[in-house]
N, C-alpha and C. Protein backbone atom coordinates (compact mmCIF):
# COMPACT_ATOMS: atom_id res chain seq x y z
N MET A 1 126.67 103.50 106.01
CA MET A 1 126.25 103.23 107.14
C MET A 1 127.36 102.59 108.12
N THR A 2 126.60 102.15 109.41
CA THR A 2 127.93 101.71 110.44
C THR A 2 128.28 100.40 110.49
N SER A 3 128.47 99.70 110.45
CA SER A 3 129.04 98.12 111.34
C SER A 3 127.83 97.27 111.88
N ASP A 4 127.32 98.61 112.84
CA ASP A 4 126.27 97.72 113.86
C ASP A 4 125.16 98.05 113.78
N GLN A 5 124.76 98.82 112.76
CA GLN A 5 123.37 98.03 111.59
C GLN A 5 122.88 98.03 110.80
N PRO A 6 121.74 96.91 110.71
CA PRO A 6 121.07 95.75 110.42
C PRO A 6 121.06 96.79 108.17
N SER A 7 120.95 95.41 107.93
CA SER A 7 121.19 95.89 105.92
C SER A 7 120.19 95.82 105.39
N PRO A 8 119.00 96.48 104.87
CA PRO A 8 118.19 95.88 104.84
C PRO A 8 118.51 94.36 103.59
N PHE A 9 119.89 95.05 102.62
CA PHE A 9 119.69 93.81 101.79
C PHE A 9 120.05 92.52 102.39
N THR A 10 120.24 92.24 103.08
CA THR A 10 120.23 90.89 103.90
C THR A 10 120.14 90.53 105.62
N THR A 11 118.97 91.71 105.89
CA THR A 11 118.38 91.66 107.12
C THR A 11 116.99 91.18 106.65
N GLY A 12 116.12 90.34 107.27
CA GLY A 12 114.84 89.73 106.63
C GLY A 12 113.83 89.58 108.00
N LEU A 13 112.91 89.66 107.59
CA LEU A 13 111.99 89.43 109.44
C LEU A 13 111.62 88.67 109.61
N THR A 14 111.50 88.23 110.63
CA THR A 14 111.06 87.15 111.19
C THR A 14 109.59 86.62 111.92
N GLY A 15 108.76 86.43 111.86
CA GLY A 15 108.02 85.67 112.56
C GLY A 15 106.54 85.93 112.15
N PRO A 16 105.42 85.55 112.35
CA PRO A 16 104.09 85.56 111.55
C PRO A 16 104.27 86.97 110.05
N ALA A 17 103.64 85.80 109.53
CA ALA A 17 103.44 86.66 108.16
C ALA A 17 101.47 87.87 108.18
N PRO A 18 102.06 89.06 108.59
CA PRO A 18 100.28 89.37 108.65
C PRO A 18 99.62 89.36 107.44
N GLU A 19 100.24 89.42 106.15
CA GLU A 19 99.71 89.93 104.86
C GLU A 19 99.24 88.29 104.41
N MET A 20 99.40 87.33 104.85
CA MET A 20 99.07 86.04 104.92
C MET A 20 97.55 85.65 105.13
N SER A 21 96.95 86.80 106.60
CA SER A 21 96.05 86.92 107.52
C SER A 21 95.12 87.64 107.04
N VAL A 22 95.38 88.80 106.74
CA VAL A 22 94.78 89.84 105.61
C VAL A 22 94.39 89.37 104.41
N SER A 23 95.05 88.77 103.43
CA SER A 23 94.35 87.77 102.19
C SER A 23 93.19 86.87 102.69
N ARG A 24 94.10 86.11 103.44
CA ARG A 24 92.27 85.14 103.21
C ARG A 24 91.36 86.31 104.30
N ASP A 25 91.20 87.46 105.24
CA ASP A 25 89.87 88.01 105.52
C ASP A 25 89.82 88.54 103.71
N LEU A 26 90.37 89.51 103.33
CA LEU A 26 89.98 89.86 101.60
C LEU A 26 88.85 88.86 100.71
N VAL A 27 89.90 87.56 101.30
CA VAL A 27 89.27 85.93 100.70
C VAL A 27 87.87 85.59 101.01
N LYS A 28 87.97 85.91 101.98
CA LYS A 28 86.61 85.43 102.77
C LYS A 28 85.44 86.53 102.82
N ARG A 29 86.01 87.62 102.29
CA ARG A 29 84.62 88.71 102.74
C ARG A 29 84.46 88.48 100.24
N GLY A 30 84.99 88.63 100.09
CA GLY A 30 84.82 88.46 98.60
C GLY A 30 83.95 87.75 98.22
N LEU A 31 83.89 86.06 98.58
CA LEU A 31 83.22 84.97 98.62
C LEU A 31 81.74 85.30 99.53
N LEU A 32 81.98 86.03 100.23
CA LEU A 32 81.08 86.49 101.08
C LEU A 32 79.55 87.24 100.38
N VAL A 33 80.58 88.03 99.36
CA VAL A 33 80.02 88.87 98.52
C VAL A 33 79.47 88.64 96.87
N LEU A 34 79.90 87.25 95.99
CA LEU A 34 80.45 86.81 95.31
C LEU A 34 78.80 86.85 94.98
N PRO A 35 77.70 85.82 95.87
CA PRO A 35 76.26 85.83 94.98
C PRO A 35 75.58 87.20 94.79
N LEU A 36 75.98 87.93 95.72
CA LEU A 36 75.09 89.45 95.22
C LEU A 36 75.93 90.09 94.15
N LEU A 37 76.99 90.29 94.17
CA LEU A 37 77.93 90.77 92.97
C LEU A 37 77.23 90.16 91.81
N CYS A 38 77.28 88.53 91.91
CA CYS A 38 76.92 88.00 90.66
C CYS A 38 75.24 88.55 90.38
N LEU A 39 74.22 88.11 90.80
CA LEU A 39 73.30 88.30 91.35
C LEU A 39 72.98 90.27 89.97
N VAL A 40 73.51 91.18 90.70
CA VAL A 40 73.54 92.37 90.22
C VAL A 40 73.70 92.67 88.59
N ALA A 41 75.02 91.71 88.74
CA ALA A 41 76.12 91.35 86.84
C ALA A 41 74.48 90.61 86.22
N GLY A 42 73.97 89.98 86.92
CA GLY A 42 72.92 89.03 86.49
C GLY A 42 71.66 90.50 86.01
N VAL A 43 71.34 90.60 86.73
CA VAL A 43 70.11 91.97 86.38
C VAL A 43 70.81 92.98 85.27
N ILE A 44 71.96 93.81 84.94
CA ILE A 44 72.54 94.44 84.25
C ILE A 44 72.55 93.76 82.94
N TRP A 45 73.65 93.33 83.06
CA TRP A 45 73.89 92.14 82.03
C TRP A 45 73.26 90.94 81.53
N GLY A 46 72.70 89.97 82.43
CA GLY A 46 72.36 88.80 81.93
C GLY A 46 72.90 87.83 82.52
N MET A 47 73.22 86.44 82.19
CA MET A 47 73.79 85.46 82.85
C MET A 47 74.86 85.62 82.08
N ASN A 48 75.58 86.03 80.87
CA ASN A 48 76.88 86.40 80.29
C ASN A 48 77.32 87.07 81.14
N GLY A 49 76.85 88.03 82.01
CA GLY A 49 77.36 89.15 82.88
C GLY A 49 77.43 88.79 84.56
N ALA A 50 76.35 87.61 84.73
CA ALA A 50 76.78 86.56 85.97
C ALA A 50 77.81 85.40 86.08
N TYR A 51 78.11 85.24 84.57
CA TYR A 51 79.56 84.82 84.75
C TYR A 51 80.81 85.21 84.74
N SER A 52 80.51 86.93 83.93
CA SER A 52 82.26 87.06 83.82
C SER A 52 81.84 87.90 84.91
N CYS A 53 80.73 87.94 86.00
CA CYS A 53 81.30 88.51 86.99
C CYS A 53 82.10 87.45 88.58
N ALA A 54 81.46 86.52 87.85
CA ALA A 54 81.70 85.01 88.78
C ALA A 54 83.65 85.14 88.85
N PHE A 55 83.70 85.19 87.32
CA PHE A 55 85.37 85.20 86.90
C PHE A 55 86.38 86.27 87.01
N ALA A 56 85.50 87.08 87.55
CA ALA A 56 86.35 88.86 87.91
C ALA A 56 86.70 87.81 89.05
N VAL A 57 85.54 88.27 89.89
CA VAL A 57 86.26 87.33 91.46
C VAL A 57 87.03 86.80 91.64
N ALA A 58 87.07 85.70 91.24
CA ALA A 58 88.26 84.84 91.10
C ALA A 58 89.91 85.20 90.78
N LEU A 59 89.15 86.68 90.00
CA LEU A 59 90.30 86.95 89.22
C LEU A 59 91.18 87.67 90.25
N VAL A 60 90.17 88.21 91.20
CA VAL A 60 90.96 89.42 92.14
C VAL A 60 91.08 88.99 93.28
N LEU A 61 90.57 87.89 93.47
CA LEU A 61 90.71 87.05 95.34
C LEU A 61 92.44 86.07 94.98
N LEU A 62 92.42 86.25 93.67
CA LEU A 62 93.26 85.36 93.43
C LEU A 62 94.83 86.35 93.31
N ASN A 63 94.50 87.10 93.12
CA ASN A 63 95.60 88.93 92.75
C ASN A 63 96.00 89.29 94.05
N PHE A 64 94.99 89.01 95.36
CA PHE A 64 95.20 88.87 96.49
C PHE A 64 96.35 88.06 97.36
N LEU A 65 95.73 87.04 97.25
CA LEU A 65 96.38 85.80 97.55
C LEU A 65 97.61 86.06 96.81
N LEU A 66 98.03 86.29 95.57
CA LEU A 66 99.47 85.95 95.38
C LEU A 66 100.35 87.01 95.60
N ALA A 67 99.74 88.23 95.80
CA ALA A 67 100.47 89.63 96.52
C ALA A 67 100.99 88.82 97.90
N ALA A 68 99.76 88.35 99.06
CA ALA A 68 100.32 88.03 100.10
C ALA A 68 101.59 87.09 100.32
N LEU A 69 101.43 86.08 99.29
CA LEU A 69 101.89 84.74 99.18
C LEU A 69 103.65 84.93 98.91
N ILE A 70 103.62 86.61 97.72
CA ILE A 70 104.89 87.27 97.16
C ILE A 70 105.56 88.08 98.61
N MET A 71 104.88 88.46 99.07
CA MET A 71 105.71 89.33 100.28
C MET A 71 105.63 88.15 101.58
N ALA A 72 105.35 87.10 101.38
CA ALA A 72 105.42 86.55 102.87
C ALA A 72 106.40 85.52 102.52
N TRP A 73 106.64 85.08 100.85
CA TRP A 73 107.92 84.37 101.04
C TRP A 73 108.85 84.84 100.95
N THR A 74 109.27 86.23 100.57
CA THR A 74 110.31 87.29 100.52
C THR A 74 111.06 87.86 101.87
N ALA A 75 110.06 87.91 102.69
CA ALA A 75 110.29 88.73 103.70
C ALA A 75 111.03 88.24 105.23
N PRO A 76 111.35 86.93 104.40
CA PRO A 76 112.05 86.17 105.83
C PRO A 76 113.39 86.13 105.26
N ILE A 77 113.86 86.62 103.80
CA ILE A 77 114.67 86.46 102.86
C ILE A 77 115.79 87.71 103.36
N SER A 78 114.76 88.68 102.62
CA SER A 78 115.39 90.32 103.11
C SER A 78 114.30 91.30 102.52
N LEU A 79 115.00 92.51 103.44
CA LEU A 79 113.59 93.70 103.25
C LEU A 79 114.16 93.93 101.22
N ALA A 80 115.13 93.75 101.21
CA ALA A 80 115.06 94.46 99.61
C ALA A 80 114.52 93.49 99.28
N LEU A 81 114.96 92.65 98.61
CA LEU A 81 113.47 91.40 98.54
C LEU A 81 112.58 91.82 98.17
N MET A 82 112.02 91.97 99.38
CA MET A 82 110.57 92.05 99.41
C MET A 82 110.00 93.16 99.07
N MET A 83 110.74 94.30 98.99
CA MET A 83 110.13 95.65 97.85
C MET A 83 110.32 94.96 96.75
N GLY A 84 111.59 94.51 96.39
CA GLY A 84 111.38 94.65 94.95
C GLY A 84 110.77 93.98 94.07
N ALA A 85 109.97 92.44 94.79
CA ALA A 85 109.17 91.70 94.36
C ALA A 85 107.70 91.79 95.09
N SER A 86 107.68 93.16 95.84
CA SER A 86 106.64 93.53 95.16
C SER A 86 106.54 94.30 94.63
N LEU A 87 107.14 95.58 93.85
CA LEU A 87 106.95 96.46 92.80
C LEU A 87 107.20 95.81 91.71
N PHE A 88 107.89 94.63 91.40
CA PHE A 88 107.95 94.12 90.52
C PHE A 88 106.19 92.75 90.33
N GLY A 89 106.48 91.77 91.40
CA GLY A 89 105.11 91.20 91.61
C GLY A 89 103.82 91.89 90.58
N TYR A 90 103.63 93.12 91.73
CA TYR A 90 102.75 94.17 90.86
C TYR A 90 102.12 94.72 89.96
N LEU A 91 103.65 94.67 89.32
CA LEU A 91 103.42 94.33 87.76
C LEU A 91 103.64 93.20 87.18
N ALA A 92 103.62 92.09 87.50
CA ALA A 92 102.80 90.71 86.68
C ALA A 92 102.08 89.94 87.42
N ARG A 93 101.45 90.79 88.39
CA ARG A 93 100.24 90.76 88.58
C ARG A 93 99.30 91.73 87.93
N LEU A 94 99.41 92.50 87.26
CA LEU A 94 98.96 93.24 86.63
C LEU A 94 98.73 92.77 85.12
N GLY A 95 100.29 92.22 84.76
CA GLY A 95 99.77 91.25 83.47
C GLY A 95 98.90 90.03 83.15
N LEU A 96 98.83 89.32 83.91
CA LEU A 96 97.99 87.93 84.46
C LEU A 96 96.66 88.67 84.36
N ILE A 97 96.01 89.61 85.21
CA ILE A 97 95.11 89.65 84.55
C ILE A 97 94.57 90.55 83.20
N PHE A 98 95.38 91.50 82.81
CA PHE A 98 95.39 91.44 81.80
C PHE A 98 95.29 90.08 80.87
N LEU A 99 96.07 89.42 80.86
CA LEU A 99 96.68 88.12 79.81
C LEU A 99 95.18 87.36 80.18
N ALA A 100 94.57 87.28 81.29
CA ALA A 100 93.25 86.88 81.52
C ALA A 100 92.02 87.28 80.81
N VAL A 101 92.18 88.69 80.71
CA VAL A 101 91.60 88.76 80.27
C VAL A 101 91.08 89.08 78.69
N MET A 102 92.44 89.32 78.41
CA MET A 102 92.73 88.67 76.38
C MET A 102 92.15 87.28 76.17
N VAL A 103 92.52 85.88 77.12
CA VAL A 103 92.74 85.13 76.58
C VAL A 103 90.70 84.64 76.07
N VAL A 104 90.32 85.79 77.27
CA VAL A 104 88.35 85.04 77.48
C VAL A 104 87.74 85.80 77.15
N LYS A 105 87.80 87.16 76.33
CA LYS A 105 87.38 88.39 75.76
C LYS A 105 86.15 88.25 74.62
N ASP A 106 86.70 86.53 73.71
CA ASP A 106 86.29 86.61 72.97
C ASP A 106 85.38 85.92 72.61
N PHE A 107 85.07 85.10 74.72
CA PHE A 107 84.37 83.34 74.68
C PHE A 107 82.76 84.41 74.30
N SER A 108 81.91 83.51 74.28
CA SER A 108 80.49 83.40 73.96
C SER A 108 80.02 84.26 75.24
N TRP A 109 80.58 83.59 76.64
CA TRP A 109 80.27 83.67 78.34
C TRP A 109 80.28 84.65 78.77
N VAL A 110 81.36 86.25 77.89
CA VAL A 110 82.13 86.82 78.33
C VAL A 110 81.51 88.06 78.10
N SER A 111 81.04 88.83 79.06
CA SER A 111 80.60 90.27 78.85
C SER A 111 81.56 90.92 79.59
N LEU A 112 82.16 92.15 78.63
CA LEU A 112 83.63 93.13 79.19
C LEU A 112 83.58 94.12 79.75
N GLN A 113 82.20 94.72 79.46
CA GLN A 113 81.41 95.55 80.56
C GLN A 113 81.36 94.77 81.87
N ALA A 114 81.01 93.61 82.17
CA ALA A 114 80.59 93.08 83.12
C ALA A 114 82.26 92.63 84.06
N LEU A 115 82.71 92.17 83.35
CA LEU A 115 84.21 91.93 83.41
C LEU A 115 84.82 93.09 83.77
N GLY A 116 85.05 94.18 83.48
CA GLY A 116 85.74 95.33 83.31
C GLY A 116 85.31 95.42 84.91
N CYS A 117 83.36 96.45 84.70
CA CYS A 117 83.03 96.78 85.94
C CYS A 117 83.72 95.98 87.23
N THR A 118 83.44 94.69 87.25
CA THR A 118 83.56 93.43 88.37
C THR A 118 85.06 93.69 88.63
N ILE A 119 85.93 94.05 87.76
CA ILE A 119 87.28 94.09 88.17
C ILE A 119 87.71 94.98 89.43
N ILE A 120 87.29 96.37 88.81
CA ILE A 120 87.32 97.72 89.11
C ILE A 120 86.80 97.45 90.69
N VAL A 121 85.62 97.55 90.85
CA VAL A 121 84.64 97.51 91.79
C VAL A 121 85.35 96.10 92.81
N THR A 122 85.48 95.45 92.51
CA THR A 122 85.81 94.35 93.48
C THR A 122 87.38 94.59 94.61
N HIS A 123 88.28 95.30 93.64
CA HIS A 123 89.13 95.80 94.00
C HIS A 123 89.35 96.71 95.41
N LEU A 124 88.61 97.53 94.14
CA LEU A 124 88.39 98.71 95.29
C LEU A 124 87.63 98.52 96.77
N GLY A 125 86.72 97.64 96.17
CA GLY A 125 85.59 97.63 97.06
C GLY A 125 86.16 96.37 98.49
N LEU A 126 86.67 95.22 98.09
CA LEU A 126 87.49 94.73 99.17
C LEU A 126 88.99 95.22 99.92
N LEU A 127 88.44 95.86 99.17
CA LEU A 127 89.93 97.02 100.31
C LEU A 127 90.18 98.42 100.94
N PHE A 128 89.11 98.73 100.54
CA PHE A 128 88.13 99.55 101.64
C PHE A 128 87.18 99.11 102.53
N TRP A 129 87.04 98.12 102.69
CA TRP A 129 85.94 97.43 103.23
C TRP A 129 86.93 96.55 104.19
N GLU A 130 87.99 96.15 103.81
CA GLU A 130 89.06 95.66 104.67
C GLU A 130 90.24 96.59 105.35
N LEU A 131 89.92 97.96 105.09
CA LEU A 131 90.27 98.90 105.62
C LEU A 131 89.83 98.96 107.50
N LYS A 132 88.43 98.56 107.95
CA LYS A 132 88.17 98.64 108.42
C LYS A 132 88.42 97.82 109.91
N TYR A 133 89.31 96.61 109.21
CA TYR A 133 89.71 95.48 110.06
C TYR A 133 91.08 95.44 110.37
N ILE A 134 91.65 96.23 109.81
CA ILE A 134 93.21 95.94 109.85
C ILE A 134 93.79 97.05 110.75
N SER A 135 94.68 96.51 111.44
CA SER A 135 95.84 97.30 112.06
C SER A 135 96.37 98.30 112.27
N ALA A 136 96.51 99.08 112.45
CA ALA A 136 97.16 100.59 112.36
C ALA A 136 98.79 100.46 113.65
N SER A 137 98.62 98.73 114.27
CA SER A 137 99.43 99.21 114.90
C SER A 137 100.83 98.21 114.99
N LEU A 138 102.15 98.66 115.48
CA LEU A 138 103.03 98.01 115.37
C LEU A 138 102.59 96.88 116.33
N ALA A 139 102.14 96.93 117.26
CA ALA A 139 101.71 95.77 118.37
C ALA A 139 101.00 94.53 118.08
N PHE A 140 99.86 95.28 116.66
CA PHE A 140 99.36 93.79 116.64
C PHE A 140 99.09 94.03 114.57
N PRO A 141 100.17 93.74 114.36
CA PRO A 141 99.94 94.12 112.54
C PRO A 141 99.28 92.93 111.83
N GLY A 142 98.60 93.41 110.77
CA GLY A 142 98.17 92.28 110.26
C GLY A 142 96.12 92.97 110.57
N LEU A 143 95.34 91.90 110.78
CA LEU A 143 93.63 92.30 111.29
C LEU A 143 94.17 92.86 112.94
N LYS A 144 93.00 93.31 113.13
CA LYS A 144 92.96 93.74 114.29
C LYS A 144 92.48 92.37 115.23
N PRO A 145 93.23 92.53 116.65
CA PRO A 145 92.55 91.61 117.39
C PRO A 145 90.91 91.23 117.81
N GLY A 146 90.55 90.16 118.35
CA GLY A 146 89.16 90.28 118.37
C GLY A 146 88.82 90.65 119.68
N LYS A 147 87.38 91.06 119.51
CA LYS A 147 87.60 91.15 121.11
C LYS A 147 87.25 90.18 122.33
N GLN A 148 87.80 90.80 123.25
CA GLN A 148 88.18 90.09 124.24
C GLN A 148 86.70 89.68 125.09
N GLU A 149 86.89 88.32 125.49
CA GLU A 149 85.37 88.39 126.88
C GLU A 149 85.60 88.85 128.08
N SER A 150 85.23 89.73 128.32
CA SER A 150 85.39 90.68 129.72
C SER A 150 85.07 89.56 130.95
N SER A 151 86.64 89.20 131.57
CA SER A 151 86.29 87.92 132.69
C SER A 151 85.68 88.82 133.91
N PRO A 152 85.21 88.19 134.74
CA PRO A 152 85.12 89.02 135.83
C PRO A 152 86.24 89.10 136.72
N ILE A 153 86.35 90.01 137.19
CA ILE A 153 87.07 90.59 138.36
C ILE A 153 87.47 89.73 139.70
N GLN A 154 88.79 89.19 139.10
CA GLN A 154 89.21 87.75 140.74
C GLN A 154 89.56 88.74 141.42
N PRO A 155 89.51 88.24 142.93
CA PRO A 155 90.05 89.20 144.33
C PRO A 155 91.31 88.67 144.10
């Protein structure tokens, strides 16, 4: 590597953190579908299913927020740190979900089927839903810009 090229070990990213806006949008959508998910889980597994569903959605939303916080915190420091924190943060977040399930698995209000199904369906469902709103452009990283109101043409 020549001296005029920046090193990923020492170069950080500056500017706004698009991952935070995406994460907030995921949380907003998760809270939007929470009543429907709890209703469906309640119909299938009873009240314990509804309680387990609410707990699972809280775990998923916390997982998304932690992922965004890790990236937003490490990106300004260095790209290598962000990549390492993303990888090991993923493993740590999986461990936290596992730990949370192990802690509550024997509680009387827990339906393990509802908890497991909700964790999987909510993670995948929210990510696929969010794909519709993500900008795949370097000009607008993060969420797609909102529709601009057209103004009348000025002479």
